[in-house]
Protein backbone atom coordinates (compact mmCIF):
# COMPACT_ATOMS: atom_id res chain seq x y z
CA UNK A 1 27.79 -14.13 13.95
CA UNK A 2 27.24 -12.09 17.09
CA UNK A 3 23.91 -12.22 18.92
CA UNK A 4 22.52 -9.91 21.57
CA UNK A 5 22.32 -12.53 24.33
CA UNK A 6 25.16 -13.96 26.37
CA UNK A 7 25.59 -17.59 27.32
CA UNK A 8 24.27 -16.73 30.77
CA UNK A 9 21.03 -15.59 29.17
CA UNK A 10 20.57 -18.70 27.03
CA UNK A 11 17.71 -20.85 28.29
CA UNK A 12 17.19 -24.56 27.98
CA UNK A 13 15.70 -25.72 24.66
CA UNK A 14 11.94 -25.29 24.65
CA UNK A 15 11.82 -22.02 26.65
CA UNK A 16 9.68 -19.42 24.90
CA UNK A 17 11.09 -16.23 23.40
CA UNK A 18 8.79 -14.19 25.64
CA UNK A 19 10.04 -15.92 28.78
CA UNK A 20 13.70 -15.47 27.91
CA UNK A 21 13.26 -11.72 27.39
CA UNK A 22 10.82 -11.00 30.20
CA UNK A 23 13.36 -9.19 32.37
CA UNK A 24 15.29 -7.45 29.57
CA UNK A 25 14.89 -3.88 28.42
CA UNK A 26 14.96 -4.77 24.72
CA UNK A 27 11.77 -4.70 22.72
CA UNK A 28 12.82 -6.21 19.39
CA UNK A 29 15.05 -9.21 18.67
CA UNK A 30 17.40 -9.93 15.79
CA UNK A 31 16.28 -12.73 13.47
CA UNK A 32 18.79 -14.64 11.37
CA UNK A 33 17.87 -17.01 8.54
CA UNK A 34 20.84 -19.08 7.40
CA UNK A 35 20.54 -21.17 4.23
CA UNK A 36 16.86 -21.91 4.93
CA UNK A 37 15.11 -24.24 2.48
CA UNK A 38 11.60 -25.70 2.26
CA UNK A 39 11.07 -28.67 -0.03
CA UNK A 40 7.61 -30.22 -0.08
CA UNK A 41 7.38 -33.96 -0.75
CA UNK A 42 6.40 -34.83 -4.29
CA UNK A 43 7.58 -31.52 -5.75
CA UNK A 44 10.60 -31.39 -8.00
CA UNK A 45 11.74 -27.93 -6.92
CA UNK A 46 11.83 -26.40 -3.44
CA UNK A 47 9.27 -23.73 -2.53
CA UNK A 48 12.02 -21.76 -0.77
CA UNK A 49 15.65 -22.35 -1.61
CA UNK A 50 18.64 -21.43 0.57
CA UNK A 51 17.46 -18.10 1.91
CA UNK A 52 19.89 -16.21 4.13
CA UNK A 53 19.19 -12.83 5.68
CA UNK A 54 19.60 -10.86 8.90
CA UNK A 55 16.56 -8.97 10.18
CA UNK A 56 17.83 -6.32 12.62
CA UNK A 57 16.24 -5.92 16.04
CA UNK A 58 13.59 -3.21 16.25
CA UNK A 59 13.12 -2.77 12.49
CA UNK A 60 10.25 -3.39 10.09
CA UNK A 61 11.49 -5.66 7.31
CA UNK A 62 9.06 -6.14 4.43
CA UNK A 63 9.11 -9.20 2.19
CA UNK A 64 7.65 -8.21 -1.16
CA UNK A 65 7.30 -10.25 -4.30
CA UNK A 66 4.83 -11.79 -6.75
CA UNK A 67 2.20 -14.30 -5.68
CA UNK A 68 3.65 -17.77 -5.29
CA UNK A 69 7.26 -16.67 -4.88
CA UNK A 70 7.51 -18.10 -1.36
CA UNK A 71 7.42 -14.95 0.78
CA UNK A 72 4.68 -16.22 3.12
CA UNK A 73 6.36 -19.62 3.38
CA UNK A 74 9.60 -17.90 4.33
CA UNK A 75 7.91 -15.87 7.04
CA UNK A 76 5.99 -18.85 8.45
CA UNK A 77 9.19 -20.81 8.88
CA UNK A 78 10.27 -18.22 11.47
CA UNK A 79 7.55 -19.37 13.88
CA UNK A 80 7.51 -22.89 12.44
CA UNK A 81 3.97 -22.84 11.21
CA UNK A 82 5.87 -24.34 8.29
CA UNK A 83 8.82 -26.52 9.23
CA UNK A 84 12.05 -25.83 7.32
CA UNK A 85 13.56 -28.75 5.42
CA UNK A 86 17.07 -27.53 6.13
CA UNK A 87 18.99 -24.51 7.33
CA UNK A 88 19.01 -22.60 10.62
CA UNK A 89 16.87 -19.84 12.14
CA UNK A 90 17.70 -17.92 15.30
CA UNK A 91 15.82 -15.25 17.24
CA UNK A 92 18.04 -13.21 19.52
CA UNK A 93 20.65 -15.94 19.12
CA UNK A 94 18.28 -18.73 20.19
CA UNK A 95 17.90 -21.76 17.94
CA UNK A 96 14.27 -21.71 16.79
CA UNK A 97 14.42 -25.30 15.53
CA UNK A 98 15.47 -26.54 18.97
CA UNK A 99 12.50 -24.99 20.74
CA UNK A 100 9.08 -26.38 21.55
CA UNK A 101 6.93 -25.13 18.64
CA UNK A 102 3.94 -24.17 20.79
CA UNK A 103 6.06 -22.21 23.24
CA UNK A 104 7.90 -20.59 20.35
CA UNK A 105 4.66 -19.36 18.77
CA UNK A 106 3.37 -17.99 22.06
CA UNK A 107 6.41 -15.73 22.11
CA UNK A 108 5.93 -14.42 18.56
CA UNK A 109 3.06 -12.15 17.58
CA UNK A 110 1.18 -13.17 14.44
CA UNK A 111 -1.27 -11.04 12.45
CA UNK A 112 -2.88 -12.12 9.18
CA UNK A 113 -5.25 -10.87 6.52
CA UNK A 114 -8.87 -10.48 7.74
CA UNK A 115 -7.49 -10.55 11.32
CA UNK A 116 -8.04 -14.30 11.86
CA UNK A 117 -10.07 -13.68 15.01
CA UNK A 118 -11.95 -16.48 16.74
CA UNK A 119 -15.57 -15.70 15.78
CA UNK A 120 -17.08 -17.35 18.88
CA UNK A 121 -14.95 -15.34 21.30
CA UNK A 122 -15.44 -11.74 22.37
CA UNK A 123 -12.88 -9.09 21.55
CA UNK A 124 -11.51 -9.29 25.08
CA UNK A 125 -11.12 -13.06 24.95
CA UNK A 126 -9.47 -12.86 21.54
CA UNK A 127 -6.89 -10.38 22.81
CA UNK A 128 -6.38 -12.44 25.99
CA UNK A 129 -5.61 -15.68 24.11
CA UNK A 130 -1.81 -15.79 24.40
CA UNK A 131 -1.49 -14.18 27.87
CA UNK A 132 -3.92 -16.83 29.11
CA UNK A 133 -1.96 -19.64 27.47
CA UNK A 134 1.32 -18.58 29.09
CA UNK A 135 -0.25 -18.44 32.54
CA UNK A 136 -0.96 -14.79 33.33
CA UNK A 137 -3.47 -14.32 36.16
CA UNK A 138 -6.94 -12.93 35.39
CA UNK A 139 -6.32 -9.46 36.76
CA UNK A 140 -3.13 -9.03 34.75
CA UNK A 141 -4.81 -10.36 31.60
CA UNK A 142 -7.80 -8.02 32.01
CA UNK A 143 -5.55 -5.01 32.47
CA UNK A 144 -3.49 -6.01 29.45
CA UNK A 145 -6.60 -6.37 27.27
CA UNK A 146 -7.67 -2.82 28.12
CA UNK A 147 -4.15 -1.53 27.56
CA UNK A 148 -3.89 -3.18 24.14
CA UNK A 149 -7.30 -1.99 22.96
CA UNK A 150 -6.43 1.57 23.95
CA UNK A 151 -3.08 1.21 22.17
CA UNK A 152 -4.79 0.37 18.87
CA UNK A 153 -7.41 3.11 19.27
CA UNK A 154 -10.41 1.08 20.49
CA UNK A 155 -12.29 2.09 23.65
CA UNK A 156 -12.25 -0.99 25.94
CA UNK A 157 -15.67 -0.14 27.39
CA UNK A 158 -17.20 -0.07 23.92
CA UNK A 159 -15.36 -3.00 22.33
CA UNK A 160 -14.20 -5.62 24.83
CA UNK A 161 -17.58 -7.42 24.91
CA UNK A 162 -18.29 -7.26 21.19
CA UNK A 163 -17.79 -10.16 18.80
CA UNK A 164 -15.80 -10.05 15.53
CA UNK A 165 -18.97 -10.06 13.41
CA UNK A 166 -19.98 -6.78 15.10
CA UNK A 167 -16.80 -5.01 13.97
CA UNK A 168 -15.81 -3.30 10.73
CA UNK A 169 -12.87 -4.68 8.76
CA UNK A 170 -10.55 -2.00 10.11
CA UNK A 171 -11.66 -2.65 13.68
CA UNK A 172 -11.08 -6.37 13.25
CA UNK A 173 -7.54 -5.69 12.04
CA UNK A 174 -6.88 -3.47 15.05
CA UNK A 175 -8.06 -6.26 17.35
CA UNK A 176 -5.82 -8.68 15.46
CA UNK A 177 -2.80 -6.45 16.06
CA UNK A 178 -3.78 -6.04 19.73
CA UNK A 179 -3.96 -9.82 20.10
CA UNK A 180 -0.58 -10.27 18.40
CA UNK A 181 1.05 -7.79 20.79
CA UNK A 182 -0.79 -8.79 23.98
CA UNK A 183 2.01 -10.93 25.46
CA UNK A 184 4.62 -8.28 24.55
CA UNK A 185 6.55 -10.45 22.08
CA UNK A 186 9.84 -9.18 20.68
CA UNK A 187 8.87 -10.33 17.17
CA UNK A 188 5.69 -9.68 15.19
CA UNK A 189 4.95 -11.51 11.95
CA UNK A 190 2.37 -9.85 9.70
CA UNK A 191 1.07 -11.68 6.62
CA UNK A 192 -0.68 -9.13 4.35
CA UNK A 193 -2.66 -7.90 7.39
CA UNK A 194 -4.25 -4.93 5.63
CA UNK A 195 -4.93 -6.55 2.27
CA UNK A 196 -8.67 -7.10 2.79
CA UNK A 197 -9.70 -3.54 3.74
CA UNK A 198 -10.53 -0.53 1.59
CA UNK A 199 -7.70 1.83 0.53
CA UNK A 200 -8.60 4.62 2.98
CA UNK A 201 -8.77 2.26 5.96
CA UNK A 202 -5.61 0.58 4.78
CA UNK A 203 -3.73 3.86 4.80
CA UNK A 204 -4.96 4.64 8.31
CA UNK A 205 -3.93 1.20 9.58
CA UNK A 206 -0.49 1.64 8.04
CA UNK A 207 -0.12 5.00 9.79
CA UNK A 208 -1.20 3.45 13.09
CA UNK A 209 1.30 0.62 12.71
CA UNK A 210 4.11 3.13 12.20
CA UNK A 211 2.99 5.03 15.29
CA UNK A 212 2.90 1.81 17.32
CA UNK A 213 6.32 0.82 16.07
CA UNK A 214 7.76 4.21 17.03
CA UNK A 215 6.55 3.55 20.57
CA UNK A 216 7.21 -0.19 20.88
CA UNK A 217 10.28 -0.88 18.73
CA UNK A 218 9.38 -4.47 17.84
CA UNK A 219 11.05 -6.54 15.17
CA UNK A 220 8.37 -6.84 12.49
CA UNK A 221 8.46 -9.11 9.46
CA UNK A 222 5.75 -7.91 7.08
CA UNK A 223 4.63 -9.75 3.94
CA UNK A 224 2.94 -7.86 1.10
CA UNK A 225 2.66 -7.90 -2.70
CA UNK A 226 2.14 -4.10 -2.69
CA UNK A 227 5.43 -2.29 -3.27
CA UNK A 228 3.94 1.06 -2.24
CA UNK A 229 3.04 -0.46 1.12
CA UNK A 230 6.55 -1.87 1.42
CA UNK A 231 8.08 1.56 0.79
CA UNK A 232 5.80 3.25 3.30
CA UNK A 233 6.30 0.75 6.12
CA UNK A 234 9.72 -0.82 5.70
CA UNK A 235 12.97 0.16 7.32
CA UNK A 236 14.31 -2.42 4.86
CA UNK A 237 12.72 -4.24 1.95
CA UNK A 238 13.59 -7.69 0.68
CA UNK A 239 12.45 -7.99 -2.94
CA UNK A 240 11.98 -11.69 -3.57
CA UNK A 241 11.94 -13.66 -6.77
CA UNK A 242 11.15 -17.30 -7.50
CA UNK A 243 11.70 -19.63 -4.49
CA UNK A 244 12.26 -16.55 -2.30
CA UNK A 245 15.53 -15.72 -4.00
CA UNK A 246 16.56 -12.33 -2.60
CA UNK A 247 16.89 -10.02 -5.58
CA UNK A 248 17.65 -6.97 -3.43
CA UNK A 249 17.68 -6.34 0.32
CA UNK A 250 18.16 -2.71 1.25
CA UNK A 251 16.49 0.44 2.52
CA UNK A 252 13.51 1.74 0.53
CA UNK A 253 15.47 4.83 -0.47
CA UNK A 254 18.36 2.79 -1.86
CA UNK A 255 16.07 0.42 -3.79
CA UNK A 256 14.12 3.32 -5.29
CA UNK A 257 17.32 5.09 -6.29
CA UNK A 258 19.22 2.02 -7.56
CA UNK A 259 17.14 -1.08 -8.38
CA UNK A 260 19.43 -4.11 -8.56
CA UNK A 261 18.03 -5.45 -11.83
CA UNK A 262 15.13 -5.20 -14.25
CA UNK A 263 12.86 -7.34 -12.08
CA UNK A 264 13.32 -5.05 -9.08
CA UNK A 265 12.90 -2.03 -11.35
CA UNK A 266 9.57 -3.51 -12.40
CA UNK A 267 8.43 -3.49 -8.78
CA UNK A 268 9.66 0.04 -8.29
CA UNK A 269 7.76 1.26 -11.34
CA UNK A 270 8.10 4.43 -13.34
CA UNK A 271 7.10 6.70 -10.45
CA UNK A 272 10.13 6.05 -8.25
CA UNK A 273 10.53 9.77 -7.62
CA UNK A 274 7.01 10.09 -6.26
CA UNK A 275 7.51 7.00 -4.09
CA UNK A 276 10.62 8.64 -2.62
CA UNK A 277 8.39 11.41 -1.28
CA UNK A 278 6.86 8.90 1.16
CA UNK A 279 10.25 8.38 2.82
CA UNK A 280 10.68 11.90 4.20
CA UNK A 281 8.64 13.93 6.67
CA UNK A 282 7.98 17.63 6.26
CA UNK A 283 9.96 18.24 9.46
CA UNK A 284 13.09 16.98 7.68
CA UNK A 285 13.18 19.62 4.92
CA UNK A 286 13.77 23.39 5.17
CA UNK A 287 10.60 25.46 5.33
CA UNK A 288 10.02 28.92 3.91
CA UNK A 289 8.26 31.81 5.63
CA UNK A 290 5.86 34.60 4.74
CA UNK A 291 4.31 37.70 6.29
CA UNK A 292 1.96 36.77 9.15
CA UNK A 293 -0.15 38.57 11.73
CA UNK A 294 -2.64 37.47 14.38
CA UNK A 295 -6.29 38.44 13.95
CA UNK A 296 -6.12 41.02 16.71
CA UNK A 297 -3.28 42.93 15.03
CA UNK A 298 -3.83 46.10 13.03
CA UNK A 299 -4.60 45.67 9.35
CA UNK A 300 -1.82 48.09 8.46
CA UNK A 301 0.80 45.95 10.22
CA UNK A 302 0.14 43.00 7.93
CA UNK A 303 -0.10 45.27 4.87
CA UNK A 304 3.36 46.65 5.69
CA UNK A 305 4.77 43.17 6.31
CA UNK A 306 3.52 41.98 2.92
CA UNK A 307 5.01 45.05 1.29
CA UNK A 308 8.42 44.16 2.74
CA UNK A 309 8.20 40.54 1.55
CA UNK A 310 8.90 39.15 -1.92
CA UNK A 311 5.48 37.51 -1.92
CA UNK A 312 2.35 39.54 -2.57
CA UNK A 313 0.29 37.77 0.07
CA UNK A 314 0.40 36.82 3.72
CA UNK A 315 -1.31 34.75 6.42
CA UNK A 316 -3.72 35.63 9.20
CA UNK A 317 -3.31 33.56 12.36
CA UNK A 318 -5.72 33.11 15.25
CA UNK A 319 -4.70 33.93 18.81
CA UNK A 320 -3.16 30.43 19.16
CA UNK A 321 -1.11 31.21 16.03
CA UNK A 322 -3.03 28.69 13.94
CA UNK A 323 -3.30 29.70 10.26
CA UNK A 324 -6.84 30.66 9.24
CA UNK A 325 -6.77 32.82 6.06
CA UNK A 326 -4.63 33.84 3.10
CA UNK A 327 -4.74 37.58 2.38
CA UNK A 328 -3.55 39.85 -0.42
CA UNK A 329 -2.97 43.62 -0.38
CA UNK A 330 -6.15 44.05 -2.45
CA UNK A 331 -8.16 42.22 0.22
CA UNK A 332 -6.60 44.36 2.93
CA UNK A 333 -7.13 47.65 1.10
CA UNK A 334 -10.64 48.18 2.44
CA UNK A 335 -10.59 45.79 5.43
CA UNK A 336 -11.37 47.12 8.90
CA UNK A 337 -10.19 43.99 10.70
CA UNK A 338 -8.04 40.95 10.07
CA UNK A 339 -10.79 38.78 11.56
CA UNK A 340 -12.73 38.83 8.30
CA UNK A 341 -10.14 39.61 5.64
CA UNK A 342 -8.86 37.00 3.19
CA UNK A 343 -9.83 33.50 2.04
CA UNK A 344 -9.72 30.35 4.20
CA UNK A 345 -6.54 28.29 4.31
CA UNK A 346 -6.89 24.77 2.89
CA UNK A 347 -6.15 21.58 4.77
CA UNK A 348 -2.38 22.17 4.79
CA UNK A 349 0.08 19.67 6.23
CA UNK A 350 1.75 19.06 9.57
CA UNK A 351 5.45 18.69 10.29
CA UNK A 352 4.75 14.94 10.64
CA UNK A 353 3.20 14.60 7.16
CA UNK A 354 5.10 12.88 4.37
CA UNK A 355 6.32 14.87 1.40
CA UNK A 356 3.84 12.93 -0.71
CA UNK A 357 1.03 14.32 1.42
CA UNK A 358 2.60 17.77 1.04
CA UNK A 359 2.56 17.39 -2.74
CA UNK A 360 -1.16 16.54 -2.65
CA UNK A 361 -1.81 19.67 -0.60
CA UNK A 362 0.29 21.82 -2.91
CA UNK A 363 -1.69 20.68 -5.93
CA UNK A 364 -4.88 21.79 -4.19
CA UNK A 365 -3.58 25.29 -3.46
CA UNK A 366 -3.69 28.16 -5.96
CA UNK A 367 -0.41 29.82 -4.97
CA UNK A 368 1.97 26.80 -5.05
CA UNK A 369 2.56 27.01 -1.29
CA UNK A 370 1.16 24.78 1.46
CA UNK A 371 0.92 25.89 5.06
CA UNK A 372 2.78 23.70 7.55
CA UNK A 373 1.60 23.41 11.14
CA UNK A 374 3.29 22.15 14.29
CA UNK A 375 2.14 19.63 16.91
CA UNK A 376 -0.58 21.93 18.28
CA UNK A 377 -1.71 23.26 14.91
CA UNK A 378 0.43 26.37 15.17
CA UNK A 379 1.99 27.97 12.08
CA UNK A 380 5.42 26.46 11.37
CA UNK A 381 6.19 27.74 7.85
CA UNK A 382 5.52 27.00 4.21
CA UNK A 383 6.48 24.20 1.86
CA UNK A 384 6.72 24.67 -1.90
CA UNK A 385 7.07 22.65 -5.09
CA UNK A 386 10.65 23.88 -5.31
CA UNK A 387 11.32 22.30 -1.90
CA UNK A 388 10.15 18.91 -3.16
CA UNK A 389 12.09 19.12 -6.41
CA UNK A 390 15.25 20.09 -4.52
CA UNK A 391 14.79 17.22 -2.07
CA UNK A 392 14.37 14.64 -4.85
CA UNK A 393 17.49 15.96 -6.56
CA UNK A 394 19.48 15.66 -3.32
CA UNK A 395 18.25 12.09 -2.81
CA UNK A 396 19.33 11.10 -6.31
CA UNK A 397 22.76 12.66 -5.77
CA UNK A 398 23.17 11.02 -2.35
CA UNK A 399 22.24 7.51 -3.46
CA UNK A 400 24.19 7.91 -6.66
CA UNK A 401 27.32 8.50 -4.58
CA UNK A 402 27.04 6.12 -1.65
CA UNK A 403 23.70 4.29 -1.56
CA UNK A 404 22.49 6.22 1.49
CA UNK A 405 19.76 4.96 3.76
CA UNK A 406 16.36 5.68 5.04
């Protein structure tokens, strides 16, 4: 199997992953598990049996399965927190089992449920743990701490001197991710990192992880028992059965469209169509349009525009072309100005929103249309129920023919 390093790049056994990639312009690293097994003494059956998979560089691969199936054990064998009984594991072509375990772990980010922060250390010292261990000087470590806290949305001035007990659950998880990324590892292992926070915070943390990944391009192995989370985060999902048997390993779209067997179908659930809406952004579907006018325009101009349109309503925009009010001809009939005519626009969606978010907005609107805004809040078009239905139909047709991808 090919790897992304040449023999000239290969270090002596025991060199850390971080050290071997320090001068290379690659953020993520390919991980290969080949026939990996874990058999605990005294147990008749192995906890993990002959798992083989390739985790592509720069992707989020989610291991999902029932409690006790071996998904966490499988992930922990990558950084040798659990030693494999047999098989081979490579990261960027380097033999993990031939490396010094401590150096290996310093080159792999690790984030767990409830953050796993050291309670007696400040936020800054928690984030600085691995850079300090691999010998960074104080000035570089301090700068990196501030950079990481800003990256995860925490003001360094406000948070670097706090202790974990002074943080909310969501803040602790952000610090945990900052610590995992502090030494710029190519690989990040995440063991149900958002499982202990409330649903709203969990959704925000998931969104932030996706934003970070878009910027950093790490290879992330993410363990969860929540299939919805797997669909939202994963470039690929490995659905695991007993002893980490891989029941299906594919893109979320392909698994939703064509579950490999009844067990996988059970994970997918009856709402596969709705789950598919999380895989596409509003920017990726065609938008409709309607009659619009800025507030400073003449009332008659918008009345005429609505009259020429198939819809019997239009939109008033502010001077920055941000949508502010729906209007109908009846509301314009006696209006002297567009600055007061109409009813306020709801929350709407942005071009970066998922189609699932668009559906939620559509259900809250009375006219079956949701306003879509661009990066600066400017009017970009409309999305409708028909758009979503058409998209789901196209996805079914695509994956029915060739399996497709995300």
